[in-house]
Amino acid sequence: MPHRIESKHNPRYKRWQAIARGSKKSGQVFLEGQRLCADALAAGVAVEAVLQADTMQTAAAAWLDTLPDTLDRYNLPDAMFRALCDTANPQGVALICASPLLERPQAGAKKDGLYLVAEGISDPGNLGTMIRTADAFAFDGVLVTSGTVWPMNPKVLRATMGAAFHVPLLAFEDLAGVVKWLKEANLPLVVADPGGEYPPEALPGRGALLVGSEAHGISREARALADALVSVPMPGRSETLNAASAAAICAYAMMRRKNQEHD
């Protein structure tokens, strides 16, 4: 039977509130909704607690019945459950689990690896879509710097559609640390920039693709550290692509080149 918590002053509940608001100190994340929770469990993420509201959507309640009895479960009044969520209509199920974000790389970059670097990406939806893109095109990791929205932001996690638990997410203090890590594996850094001299078709089948801020573009540091600048031809009227769209086009080109090189 689930444990019952009815007071918002309960220490455990107050800690869950901090995690749900995006506390980076806990090393944990709050996941709401059946699909996101199921993806996390399927990926083998360590779960601290399963939370359920008094009122749950039918599919969510049925999914809860499939979970092992070994998981700690907590039942919350609807109002307390909703207070943890940032969605308008929560499904009534959530997890408190270990964050998939690695604050420090556990190993060096792969010699033939493909990586996506997010520099100054502030929109949660764009970052989440970029993580989905990296997962879809079999990239070996997504690297984020301190100027990018926190990848464990609930809006980012929802936008990843579970991809955050499929592709490694690595956090770096700055771009210099990213480049140092890449150079140890002799991987080039390719930067997406509207003024770039190379088209996506010229991208290598190994290395890192950096996509910069939606509002401000790439930083001076990124431009200085780039091994090459790439731009997407746009013969139409629009002058720019958003970060996620540019990332998808270039990432696909890198995956395609890698596959051709390995045929």
C-alpha atoms as a PDB file:
ATOM      1  CA  MET A   1       0.000   0.000   0.000  1.00  0.00           C
ATOM      2  CA  PRO A   2       1.233   3.533  -0.747  1.00  0.00           C
ATOM      3  CA  HIS A   3       2.362   5.763   2.092  1.00  0.00           C
ATOM      4  CA  ARG A   4       0.004   8.690   2.616  1.00  0.00           C
ATOM      5  CA  ILE A   5       1.234  12.297   2.840  1.00  0.00           C
ATOM      6  CA  GLU A   6      -1.335  14.995   3.508  1.00  0.00           C
ATOM      7  CA  SER A   7       0.695  17.920   4.836  1.00  0.00           C
ATOM      8  CA  LYS A   8       2.575  20.332   2.591  1.00  0.00           C
ATOM      9  CA  HIS A   9       4.940  20.845   5.529  1.00  0.00           C
ATOM     10  CA  ASN A  10       6.060  17.216   5.440  1.00  0.00           C
ATOM     11  CA  PRO A  11       9.891  17.255   5.035  1.00  0.00           C
ATOM     12  CA  ARG A  12       9.805  14.668   2.279  1.00  0.00           C
ATOM     13  CA  TYR A  13       7.173  16.615   0.352  1.00  0.00           C
ATOM     14  CA  LYS A  14       9.110  19.871   0.758  1.00  0.00           C
ATOM     15  CA  ARG A  15      12.195  18.179  -0.717  1.00  0.00           C
ATOM     16  CA  TRP A  16      10.109  16.960  -3.666  1.00  0.00           C
ATOM     17  CA  GLN A  17       8.955  20.540  -4.196  1.00  0.00           C
ATOM     18  CA  ALA A  18      12.571  21.700  -4.439  1.00  0.00           C
ATOM     19  CA  ILE A  19      13.369  18.945  -6.944  1.00  0.00           C
ATOM     20  CA  ALA A  20      10.262  19.757  -9.014  1.00  0.00           C
ATOM     21  CA  ARG A  21      11.308  23.418  -9.136  1.00  0.00           C
ATOM     22  CA  GLY A  22      14.632  22.437 -10.649  1.00  0.00           C
ATOM     23  CA  SER A  23      17.016  22.154  -7.697  1.00  0.00           C
ATOM     24  CA  LYS A  24      20.413  21.142  -9.055  1.00  0.00           C
ATOM     25  CA  LYS A  25      21.822  20.127  -5.679  1.00  0.00           C
ATOM     26  CA  SER A  26      19.817  16.944  -5.203  1.00  0.00           C
ATOM     27  CA  GLY A  27      21.006  15.094  -8.291  1.00  0.00           C
ATOM     28  CA  GLN A  28      17.407  14.030  -8.823  1.00  0.00           C
ATOM     29  CA  VAL A  29      14.560  14.995 -11.115  1.00  0.00           C
ATOM     30  CA  PHE A  30      10.774  15.091 -10.929  1.00  0.00           C
ATOM     31  CA  LEU A  31       9.056  13.347 -13.844  1.00  0.00           C
ATOM     32  CA  GLU A  32       5.314  13.693 -14.351  1.00  0.00           C
ATOM     33  CA  GLY A  33       3.194  11.689 -16.746  1.00  0.00           C
ATOM     34  CA  GLN A  34       2.982   8.040 -17.705  1.00  0.00           C
ATOM     35  CA  ARG A  35       5.088   8.141 -20.875  1.00  0.00           C
ATOM     36  CA  LEU A  36       8.039  10.026 -19.419  1.00  0.00           C
ATOM     37  CA  CYS A  37       8.013   7.880 -16.294  1.00  0.00           C
ATOM     38  CA  ALA A  38       7.839   4.682 -18.341  1.00  0.00           C
ATOM     39  CA  ASP A  39      10.787   5.778 -20.493  1.00  0.00           C
ATOM     40  CA  ALA A  40      12.855   6.481 -17.390  1.00  0.00           C
ATOM     41  CA  LEU A  41      12.061   3.095 -15.878  1.00  0.00           C
ATOM     42  CA  ALA A  42      12.800   1.296 -19.152  1.00  0.00           C
ATOM     43  CA  ALA A  43      16.190   3.024 -19.243  1.00  0.00           C
ATOM     44  CA  GLY A  44      17.010   1.658 -15.801  1.00  0.00           C
ATOM     45  CA  VAL A  45      17.045   4.990 -13.973  1.00  0.00           C
ATOM     46  CA  ALA A  46      17.222   4.640 -10.184  1.00  0.00           C
ATOM     47  CA  VAL A  47      13.835   5.504  -8.687  1.00  0.00           C
ATOM     48  CA  GLU A  48      13.449   6.906  -5.172  1.00  0.00           C
ATOM     49  CA  ALA A  49       9.687   7.249  -5.106  1.00  0.00           C
ATOM     50  CA  VAL A  50       6.517   6.769  -7.134  1.00  0.00           C
ATOM     51  CA  LEU A  51       3.960   9.507  -6.509  1.00  0.00           C
ATOM     52  CA  GLN A  52       0.280   9.167  -7.236  1.00  0.00           C
ATOM     53  CA  ALA A  53      -2.592  11.597  -6.859  1.00  0.00           C
ATOM     54  CA  ASP A  54      -5.973  10.688  -5.423  1.00  0.00           C
ATOM     55  CA  THR A  55      -7.395  11.246  -8.898  1.00  0.00           C
ATOM     56  CA  MET A  56      -5.541   9.658 -11.807  1.00  0.00           C
ATOM     57  CA  GLN A  57      -6.244   9.256 -15.498  1.00  0.00           C
ATOM     58  CA  THR A  58      -7.394   5.726 -16.294  1.00  0.00           C
ATOM     59  CA  ALA A  59      -4.322   4.815 -18.370  1.00  0.00           C
ATOM     60  CA  ALA A  60      -1.984   6.162 -15.705  1.00  0.00           C
ATOM     61  CA  ALA A  61      -3.709   4.130 -12.991  1.00  0.00           C
ATOM     62  CA  ALA A  62      -3.470   0.994 -15.122  1.00  0.00           C
ATOM     63  CA  TRP A  63       0.229   1.621 -15.705  1.00  0.00           C
ATOM     64  CA  LEU A  64       0.838   1.958 -11.967  1.00  0.00           C
ATOM     65  CA  ASP A  65      -0.561  -1.540 -11.493  1.00  0.00           C
ATOM     66  CA  THR A  66       2.254  -2.923 -13.669  1.00  0.00           C
ATOM     67  CA  LEU A  67       5.052  -1.526 -11.490  1.00  0.00           C
ATOM     68  CA  PRO A  68       6.997  -3.805  -9.140  1.00  0.00           C
ATOM     69  CA  ASP A  69       5.960  -3.800  -5.486  1.00  0.00           C
ATOM     70  CA  THR A  70       9.535  -3.045  -4.459  1.00  0.00           C
ATOM     71  CA  LEU A  71       9.200   0.628  -5.439  1.00  0.00           C
ATOM     72  CA  ASP A  72       8.271   3.040  -2.652  1.00  0.00           C
ATOM     73  CA  ARG A  73       4.901   4.646  -3.379  1.00  0.00           C
ATOM     74  CA  TYR A  74       3.324   7.764  -1.952  1.00  0.00           C
ATOM     75  CA  ASN A  75      -0.274   8.892  -2.272  1.00  0.00           C
ATOM     76  CA  LEU A  76      -0.994  12.652  -2.320  1.00  0.00           C
ATOM     77  CA  PRO A  77      -4.149  14.761  -2.310  1.00  0.00           C
ATOM     78  CA  ASP A  78      -4.866  16.180  -5.761  1.00  0.00           C
ATOM     79  CA  ALA A  79      -3.984  19.751  -4.765  1.00  0.00           C
ATOM     80  CA  MET A  80      -0.602  18.739  -3.355  1.00  0.00           C
ATOM     81  CA  PHE A  81       0.179  16.659  -6.424  1.00  0.00           C
ATOM     82  CA  ARG A  82      -0.768  19.501  -8.785  1.00  0.00           C
ATOM     83  CA  ALA A  83       1.469  21.867  -6.813  1.00  0.00           C
ATOM     84  CA  LEU A  84       4.457  19.754  -7.861  1.00  0.00           C
ATOM     85  CA  CYS A  85       3.534  19.863 -11.558  1.00  0.00           C
ATOM     86  CA  ASP A  86       3.873  22.599 -14.159  1.00  0.00           C
ATOM     87  CA  THR A  87       1.352  21.045 -16.540  1.00  0.00           C
ATOM     88  CA  ALA A  88      -2.246  22.233 -16.718  1.00  0.00           C
ATOM     89  CA  ASN A  89      -3.791  18.758 -16.438  1.00  0.00           C
ATOM     90  CA  PRO A  90      -1.458  16.293 -14.668  1.00  0.00           C
ATOM     91  CA  GLN A  91      -2.099  12.621 -15.285  1.00  0.00           C
ATOM     92  CA  GLY A  92      -1.721  11.831 -11.597  1.00  0.00           C
ATOM     93  CA  VAL A  93       1.520   9.815 -11.652  1.00  0.00           C
ATOM     94  CA  ALA A  94       5.107  10.957 -11.169  1.00  0.00           C
ATOM     95  CA  LEU A  95       8.559   9.734 -10.244  1.00  0.00           C
ATOM     96  CA  ILE A  96      11.381  11.107  -8.152  1.00  0.00           C
ATOM     97  CA  CYS A  97      14.467   9.577  -9.725  1.00  0.00           C
ATOM     98  CA  ALA A  98      18.161  10.005 -10.376  1.00  0.00           C
ATOM     99  CA  SER A  99      19.098  12.687 -12.891  1.00  0.00           C
ATOM    100  CA  PRO A 100      20.538  11.346 -16.170  1.00  0.00           C
ATOM    101  CA  LEU A 101      22.714  14.469 -16.469  1.00  0.00           C
ATOM    102  CA  LEU A 102      26.423  13.797 -15.915  1.00  0.00           C
ATOM    103  CA  GLU A 103      28.133  16.782 -14.314  1.00  0.00           C
ATOM    104  CA  ARG A 104      31.494  15.350 -15.311  1.00  0.00           C
ATOM    105  CA  PRO A 105      32.255  13.013 -18.236  1.00  0.00           C
ATOM    106  CA  GLN A 106      32.949   9.522 -16.948  1.00  0.00           C
ATOM    107  CA  ALA A 107      35.211   8.732 -19.905  1.00  0.00           C
ATOM    108  CA  GLY A 108      36.820  10.344 -22.918  1.00  0.00           C
ATOM    109  CA  ALA A 109      35.025  11.096 -26.148  1.00  0.00           C
ATOM    110  CA  LYS A 110      34.730   8.279 -28.685  1.00  0.00           C
ATOM    111  CA  LYS A 111      37.326   8.466 -31.451  1.00  0.00           C
ATOM    112  CA  ASP A 112      34.635   8.215 -34.129  1.00  0.00           C
ATOM    113  CA  GLY A 113      31.920   9.828 -32.031  1.00  0.00           C
ATOM    114  CA  LEU A 114      29.178  12.249 -32.997  1.00  0.00           C
ATOM    115  CA  TYR A 115      28.236  14.895 -30.442  1.00  0.00           C
ATOM    116  CA  LEU A 116      25.805  17.789 -30.338  1.00  0.00           C
ATOM    117  CA  VAL A 117      26.867  20.886 -28.390  1.00  0.00           C
ATOM    118  CA  ALA A 118      24.238  23.316 -27.091  1.00  0.00           C
ATOM    119  CA  GLU A 119      25.719  26.762 -26.444  1.00  0.00           C
ATOM    120  CA  GLY A 120      23.467  29.395 -24.900  1.00  0.00           C
ATOM    121  CA  ILE A 121      20.225  27.624 -25.831  1.00  0.00           C
ATOM    122  CA  SER A 122      17.649  29.311 -23.604  1.00  0.00           C
ATOM    123  CA  ASP A 123      14.385  27.883 -24.918  1.00  0.00           C
ATOM    124  CA  PRO A 124      13.453  24.603 -23.168  1.00  0.00           C
ATOM    125  CA  GLY A 125      11.525  23.368 -26.200  1.00  0.00           C
ATOM    126  CA  ASN A 126      14.485  23.894 -28.512  1.00  0.00           C
ATOM    127  CA  LEU A 127      16.909  22.101 -26.192  1.00  0.00           C
ATOM    128  CA  GLY A 128      14.479  19.221 -25.696  1.00  0.00           C
ATOM    129  CA  THR A 129      14.042  18.870 -29.450  1.00  0.00           C
ATOM    130  CA  MET A 130      17.810  18.954 -29.957  1.00  0.00           C
ATOM    131  CA  ILE A 131      18.192  16.095 -27.485  1.00  0.00           C
ATOM    132  CA  ARG A 132      15.511  14.158 -29.399  1.00  0.00           C
ATOM    133  CA  THR A 133      17.404  14.867 -32.621  1.00  0.00           C
ATOM    134  CA  ALA A 134      20.648  13.540 -31.163  1.00  0.00           C
ATOM    135  CA  ASP A 135      18.856  10.396 -30.050  1.00  0.00           C
ATOM    136  CA  ALA A 136      17.137   9.912 -33.411  1.00  0.00           C
ATOM    137  CA  PHE A 137      20.395  10.188 -35.375  1.00  0.00           C
ATOM    138  CA  ALA A 138      22.395   7.957 -33.012  1.00  0.00           C
ATOM    139  CA  PHE A 139      24.660  10.667 -31.647  1.00  0.00           C
ATOM    140  CA  ASP A 140      26.921   9.649 -28.788  1.00  0.00           C
ATOM    141  CA  GLY A 141      26.009  12.525 -26.487  1.00  0.00           C
ATOM    142  CA  VAL A 142      24.661  16.019 -26.006  1.00  0.00           C
ATOM    143  CA  LEU A 143      27.044  18.492 -24.380  1.00  0.00           C
ATOM    144  CA  VAL A 144      25.703  21.584 -22.634  1.00  0.00           C
ATOM    145  CA  THR A 145      27.521  24.600 -21.236  1.00  0.00           C
ATOM    146  CA  SER A 146      26.553  26.786 -18.280  1.00  0.00           C
ATOM    147  CA  GLY A 147      24.826  29.339 -20.519  1.00  0.00           C
ATOM    148  CA  THR A 148      22.206  26.817 -21.671  1.00  0.00           C
ATOM    149  CA  VAL A 149      18.874  26.144 -19.954  1.00  0.00           C
ATOM    150  CA  TRP A 150      19.242  23.349 -17.405  1.00  0.00           C
ATOM    151  CA  PRO A 151      18.597  20.065 -19.251  1.00  0.00           C
ATOM    152  CA  MET A 152      16.632  18.673 -16.300  1.00  0.00           C
ATOM    153  CA  ASN A 153      14.122  21.520 -16.468  1.00  0.00           C
ATOM    154  CA  PRO A 154      10.669  19.838 -16.581  1.00  0.00           C
ATOM    155  CA  LYS A 155       9.825  21.600 -19.851  1.00  0.00           C
ATOM    156  CA  VAL A 156      13.048  20.331 -21.429  1.00  0.00           C
ATOM    157  CA  LEU A 157      12.416  16.788 -20.219  1.00  0.00           C
ATOM    158  CA  ARG A 158       8.904  16.744 -21.658  1.00  0.00           C
ATOM    159  CA  ALA A 159      10.169  18.067 -24.983  1.00  0.00           C
ATOM    160  CA  THR A 160      12.736  15.254 -25.191  1.00  0.00           C
ATOM    161  CA  MET A 161       9.894  12.695 -25.249  1.00  0.00           C
ATOM    162  CA  GLY A 162      12.072  10.290 -23.270  1.00  0.00           C
ATOM    163  CA  ALA A 163      15.250  10.862 -25.302  1.00  0.00           C
ATOM    164  CA  ALA A 164      16.964  12.327 -22.230  1.00  0.00           C
ATOM    165  CA  PHE A 165      17.169   8.761 -20.936  1.00  0.00           C
ATOM    166  CA  HIS A 166      18.509   7.310 -24.185  1.00  0.00           C
ATOM    167  CA  VAL A 167      21.415   9.595 -25.109  1.00  0.00           C
ATOM    168  CA  PRO A 168      24.165  10.671 -22.666  1.00  0.00           C
ATOM    169  CA  LEU A 169      23.838  14.265 -21.415  1.00  0.00           C
ATOM    170  CA  LEU A 170      27.106  15.867 -20.320  1.00  0.00           C
ATOM    171  CA  ALA A 171      27.414  19.214 -18.551  1.00  0.00           C
ATOM    172  CA  PHE A 172      30.499  21.420 -18.956  1.00  0.00           C
ATOM    173  CA  GLU A 173      31.340  24.666 -17.194  1.00  0.00           C
ATOM    174  CA  ASP A 174      32.354  26.386 -20.417  1.00  0.00           C
ATOM    175  CA  LEU A 175      33.114  25.836 -24.080  1.00  0.00           C
ATOM    176  CA  ALA A 176      36.848  25.620 -23.453  1.00  0.00           C
ATOM    177  CA  GLY A 177      36.202  22.484 -21.381  1.00  0.00           C
ATOM    178  CA  VAL A 178      34.121  21.018 -24.187  1.00  0.00           C
ATOM    179  CA  VAL A 179      36.843  21.638 -26.769  1.00  0.00           C
ATOM    180  CA  LYS A 180      39.555  20.189 -24.519  1.00  0.00           C
ATOM    181  CA  TRP A 181      37.491  17.024 -24.042  1.00  0.00           C
ATOM    182  CA  LEU A 182      36.892  16.735 -27.800  1.00  0.00           C
ATOM    183  CA  LYS A 183      40.520  17.382 -28.749  1.00  0.00           C
ATOM    184  CA  GLU A 184      41.695  14.511 -26.557  1.00  0.00           C
ATOM    185  CA  ALA A 185      39.918  12.260 -29.075  1.00  0.00           C
ATOM    186  CA  ASN A 186      41.034  14.414 -32.014  1.00  0.00           C
ATOM    187  CA  LEU A 187      37.438  15.315 -32.832  1.00  0.00           C
ATOM    188  CA  PRO A 188      36.738  18.490 -34.830  1.00  0.00           C
ATOM    189  CA  LEU A 189      34.295  21.150 -33.666  1.00  0.00           C
ATOM    190  CA  VAL A 190      31.908  22.252 -36.414  1.00  0.00           C
ATOM    191  CA  VAL A 191      29.820  25.336 -35.668  1.00  0.00           C
ATOM    192  CA  ALA A 192      26.483  26.191 -37.277  1.00  0.00           C
ATOM    193  CA  ASP A 193      26.502  29.825 -38.384  1.00  0.00           C
ATOM    194  CA  PRO A 194      24.506  31.696 -41.061  1.00  0.00           C
ATOM    195  CA  GLY A 195      27.778  33.001 -42.487  1.00  0.00           C
ATOM    196  CA  GLY A 196      29.458  29.608 -42.617  1.00  0.00           C
ATOM    197  CA  GLU A 197      31.392  28.652 -45.732  1.00  0.00           C
ATOM    198  CA  TYR A 198      30.479  24.949 -45.795  1.00  0.00           C
ATOM    199  CA  PRO A 199      27.078  23.365 -46.563  1.00  0.00           C
ATOM    200  CA  PRO A 200      25.743  20.484 -44.440  1.00  0.00           C
ATOM    201  CA  GLU A 201      26.789  18.007 -47.155  1.00  0.00           C
ATOM    202  CA  ALA A 202      30.437  18.811 -46.388  1.00  0.00           C
ATOM    203  CA  LEU A 203      30.160  17.916 -42.702  1.00  0.00           C
ATOM    204  CA  PRO A 204      32.378  15.102 -41.387  1.00  0.00           C
ATOM    205  CA  GLY A 205      31.096  11.770 -40.114  1.00  0.00           C
ATOM    206  CA  ARG A 206      32.764  12.278 -36.744  1.00  0.00           C
ATOM    207  CA  GLY A 207      33.111  15.250 -34.435  1.00  0.00           C
ATOM    208  CA  ALA A 208      30.898  17.724 -32.621  1.00  0.00           C
ATOM    209  CA  LEU A 209      28.252  20.043 -34.017  1.00  0.00           C
ATOM    210  CA  LEU A 210      27.725  23.251 -32.042  1.00  0.00           C
ATOM    211  CA  VAL A 211      24.455  25.155 -32.284  1.00  0.00           C
ATOM    212  CA  GLY A 212      24.262  28.534 -30.556  1.00  0.00           C
ATOM    213  CA  SER A 213      21.772  30.906 -29.010  1.00  0.00           C
ATOM    214  CA  GLU A 214      18.488  31.457 -30.819  1.00  0.00           C
ATOM    215  CA  ALA A 215      18.588  35.188 -30.080  1.00  0.00           C
ATOM    216  CA  HIS A 216      22.296  36.016 -30.208  1.00  0.00           C
ATOM    217  CA  GLY A 217      23.869  33.382 -32.416  1.00  0.00           C
ATOM    218  CA  ILE A 218      27.197  31.761 -31.654  1.00  0.00           C
ATOM    219  CA  SER A 219      29.645  33.339 -29.234  1.00  0.00           C
ATOM    220  CA  ARG A 220      32.984  34.854 -30.191  1.00  0.00           C
ATOM    221  CA  GLU A 221      34.635  31.981 -28.362  1.00  0.00           C
ATOM    222  CA  ALA A 222      32.767  29.414 -30.456  1.00  0.00           C
ATOM    223  CA  ARG A 223      33.758  31.191 -33.638  1.00  0.00           C
ATOM    224  CA  ALA A 224      37.407  31.299 -32.552  1.00  0.00           C
ATOM    225  CA  LEU A 225      37.500  27.641 -31.513  1.00  0.00           C
ATOM    226  CA  ALA A 226      35.618  26.264 -34.525  1.00  0.00           C
ATOM    227  CA  ASP A 227      37.419  24.001 -36.964  1.00  0.00           C
ATOM    228  CA  ALA A 228      34.785  24.899 -39.564  1.00  0.00           C
ATOM    229  CA  LEU A 229      31.628  26.986 -39.892  1.00  0.00           C
ATOM    230  CA  VAL A 230      28.608  25.434 -41.601  1.00  0.00           C
ATOM    231  CA  SER A 231      25.465  27.121 -42.894  1.00  0.00           C
ATOM    232  CA  VAL A 232      22.176  25.777 -44.219  1.00  0.00           C
ATOM    233  CA  PRO A 233      21.239  27.198 -47.647  1.00  0.00           C
ATOM    234  CA  MET A 234      17.889  29.001 -47.487  1.00  0.00           C
ATOM    235  CA  PRO A 235      16.624  30.138 -50.901  1.00  0.00           C
ATOM    236  CA  GLY A 236      13.240  31.072 -49.463  1.00  0.00           C
ATOM    237  CA  ARG A 237      12.165  34.293 -47.789  1.00  0.00           C
ATOM    238  CA  SER A 238      12.990  33.311 -44.221  1.00  0.00           C
ATOM    239  CA  GLU A 239      16.411  34.569 -43.161  1.00  0.00           C
ATOM    240  CA  THR A 240      16.976  32.225 -40.229  1.00  0.00           C
ATOM    241  CA  LEU A 241      16.126  28.814 -38.817  1.00  0.00           C
ATOM    242  CA  ASN A 242      15.542  28.204 -35.132  1.00  0.00           C
ATOM    243  CA  ALA A 243      18.226  26.322 -33.237  1.00  0.00           C
ATOM    244  CA  ALA A 244      16.422  22.981 -33.211  1.00  0.00           C
ATOM    245  CA  SER A 245      15.754  23.053 -36.971  1.00  0.00           C
ATOM    246  CA  ALA A 246      19.353  23.912 -37.818  1.00  0.00           C
ATOM    247  CA  ALA A 247      20.574  21.180 -35.480  1.00  0.00           C
ATOM    248  CA  ALA A 248      18.326  18.575 -37.106  1.00  0.00           C
ATOM    249  CA  ILE A 249      19.480  19.364 -40.654  1.00  0.00           C
ATOM    250  CA  CYS A 250      23.175  19.342 -39.790  1.00  0.00           C
ATOM    251  CA  ALA A 251      22.967  16.348 -37.470  1.00  0.00           C
ATOM    252  CA  TYR A 252      21.269  14.308 -40.172  1.00  0.00           C
ATOM    253  CA  ALA A 253      24.055  15.222 -42.612  1.00  0.00           C
ATOM    254  CA  MET A 254      26.722  14.084 -40.124  1.00  0.00           C
ATOM    255  CA  MET A 255      24.938  10.801 -39.453  1.00  0.00           C
ATOM    256  CA  ARG A 256      24.564  10.185 -43.191  1.00  0.00           C
ATOM    257  CA  ARG A 257      28.267  10.822 -43.801  1.00  0.00           C
ATOM    258  CA  LYS A 258      29.226   8.495 -40.957  1.00  0.00           C
ATOM    259  CA  ASN A 259      27.041   5.732 -42.372  1.00  0.00           C
ATOM    260  CA  GLN A 260      28.563   6.184 -45.829  1.00  0.00           C
ATOM    261  CA  GLU A 261      32.074   5.976 -44.398  1.00  0.00           C
ATOM    262  CA  HIS A 262      31.250   2.738 -42.627  1.00  0.00           C
ATOM    263  CA  ASP A 263      29.574   1.033 -45.612  1.00  0.00           C
END
